[in-house]
Amino acid sequence: MVNTNEIIKALKKEKYGLSITDFVDKTQLTRTQIRTAISFLLGSKEIIERQTGMAKLYFLVKDERNT
């Protein structure tokens, strides 16, 4: 089972988005666990991904469920 709660909790604290490396620093999850959770959240449209230079940044989708 993918634990997405830690990913969402970390994103709620950051308005400028997070990279996978940022997630590793802020959570106790491995890169593989983070990538799996991100894929799940992208598929359910709870987060969005933006390419910024060489990095991909992830942001929460703004709607009534995440506020």
C-alpha atoms as a PDB file:
ATOM      1  CA  MET A   1       0.000   0.000   0.000  1.00  0.00           C
ATOM      2  CA  VAL A   2       1.273   3.432  -0.919  1.00  0.00           C
ATOM      3  CA  ASN A   3       1.427   5.865   2.012  1.00  0.00           C
ATOM      4  CA  THR A   4       0.687   9.246   0.474  1.00  0.00           C
ATOM      5  CA  ASN A   5      -0.012  11.061   3.750  1.00  0.00           C
ATOM      6  CA  GLU A   6       3.613  12.054   4.343  1.00  0.00           C
ATOM      7  CA  ILE A   7       3.916  13.411   0.790  1.00  0.00           C
ATOM      8  CA  ILE A   8       0.757  15.498   1.138  1.00  0.00           C
ATOM      9  CA  LYS A   9       1.784  16.717   4.594  1.00  0.00           C
ATOM     10  CA  ALA A  10       5.176  17.863   3.271  1.00  0.00           C
ATOM     11  CA  LEU A  11       3.567  19.612   0.281  1.00  0.00           C
ATOM     12  CA  LYS A  12       1.086  21.489   2.490  1.00  0.00           C
ATOM     13  CA  LYS A  13       4.039  23.177   4.222  1.00  0.00           C
ATOM     14  CA  GLU A  14       5.735  24.299   0.968  1.00  0.00           C
ATOM     15  CA  LYS A  15       4.108  26.776  -1.396  1.00  0.00           C
ATOM     16  CA  TYR A  16       6.990  26.631  -3.910  1.00  0.00           C
ATOM     17  CA  GLY A  17       6.803  22.882  -4.493  1.00  0.00           C
ATOM     18  CA  LEU A  18       9.207  20.061  -3.691  1.00  0.00           C
ATOM     19  CA  SER A  19      11.554  17.865  -5.683  1.00  0.00           C
ATOM     20  CA  ILE A  20      12.121  14.191  -4.918  1.00  0.00           C
ATOM     21  CA  THR A  21      15.371  15.126  -3.155  1.00  0.00           C
ATOM     22  CA  ASP A  22      13.409  17.584  -0.979  1.00  0.00           C
ATOM     23  CA  PHE A  23      10.951  14.817  -0.086  1.00  0.00           C
ATOM     24  CA  VAL A  24      13.825  12.542   0.964  1.00  0.00           C
ATOM     25  CA  ASP A  25      15.164  15.291   3.236  1.00  0.00           C
ATOM     26  CA  LYS A  26      11.759  16.047   4.800  1.00  0.00           C
ATOM     27  CA  THR A  27      10.396  12.513   5.222  1.00  0.00           C
ATOM     28  CA  GLN A  28      11.715   9.143   6.316  1.00  0.00           C
ATOM     29  CA  LEU A  29      10.808   7.605   2.950  1.00  0.00           C
ATOM     30  CA  THR A  30      13.154   6.202   0.310  1.00  0.00           C
ATOM     31  CA  ARG A  31      13.314   7.614  -3.221  1.00  0.00           C
ATOM     32  CA  THR A  32      11.486   4.522  -4.493  1.00  0.00           C
ATOM     33  CA  GLN A  33       8.656   4.925  -1.964  1.00  0.00           C
ATOM     34  CA  ILE A  34       8.392   8.627  -2.799  1.00  0.00           C
ATOM     35  CA  ARG A  35       8.317   7.966  -6.556  1.00  0.00           C
ATOM     36  CA  THR A  36       5.569   5.351  -6.083  1.00  0.00           C
ATOM     37  CA  ALA A  37       3.473   7.716  -3.949  1.00  0.00           C
ATOM     38  CA  ILE A  38       3.991  10.568  -6.427  1.00  0.00           C
ATOM     39  CA  SER A  39       2.852   8.366  -9.325  1.00  0.00           C
ATOM     40  CA  PHE A  40      -0.277   7.440  -7.385  1.00  0.00           C
ATOM     41  CA  LEU A  41      -1.010  11.096  -6.497  1.00  0.00           C
ATOM     42  CA  LEU A  42      -0.401  12.263 -10.072  1.00  0.00           C
ATOM     43  CA  GLY A  43      -2.783   9.602 -11.352  1.00  0.00           C
ATOM     44  CA  SER A  44      -5.492  10.661  -8.907  1.00  0.00           C
ATOM     45  CA  LYS A  45      -4.856  14.322  -9.832  1.00  0.00           C
ATOM     46  CA  GLU A  46      -4.132  15.346  -6.232  1.00  0.00           C
ATOM     47  CA  ILE A  47      -0.753  16.837  -7.201  1.00  0.00           C
ATOM     48  CA  ILE A  48       0.768  18.331 -10.332  1.00  0.00           C
ATOM     49  CA  GLU A  49       4.282  18.117 -11.739  1.00  0.00           C
ATOM     50  CA  ARG A  50       6.220  21.018 -13.279  1.00  0.00           C
ATOM     51  CA  GLN A  51       9.584  20.812 -15.017  1.00  0.00           C
ATOM     52  CA  THR A  52      11.890  23.560 -13.687  1.00  0.00           C
ATOM     53  CA  GLY A  53      15.293  23.372 -15.312  1.00  0.00           C
ATOM     54  CA  MET A  54      16.672  19.916 -14.588  1.00  0.00           C
ATOM     55  CA  ALA A  55      14.307  19.280 -11.662  1.00  0.00           C
ATOM     56  CA  LYS A  56      10.682  18.258 -11.511  1.00  0.00           C
ATOM     57  CA  LEU A  57       8.749  20.063  -8.784  1.00  0.00           C
ATOM     58  CA  TYR A  58       5.528  18.747  -7.302  1.00  0.00           C
ATOM     59  CA  PHE A  59       2.646  20.886  -6.027  1.00  0.00           C
ATOM     60  CA  LEU A  60      -0.701  20.181  -4.397  1.00  0.00           C
ATOM     61  CA  VAL A  61      -3.713  20.818  -6.576  1.00  0.00           C
ATOM     62  CA  LYS A  62      -5.718  23.646  -5.048  1.00  0.00           C
ATOM     63  CA  ASP A  63      -9.265  22.580  -4.308  1.00  0.00           C
ATOM     64  CA  GLU A  64     -11.648  22.251  -1.393  1.00  0.00           C
ATOM     65  CA  ARG A  65     -10.206  18.860  -0.319  1.00  0.00           C
ATOM     66  CA  ASN A  66      -6.684  20.226   0.239  1.00  0.00           C
ATOM     67  CA  THR A  67      -7.478  23.523   1.949  1.00  0.00           C
END
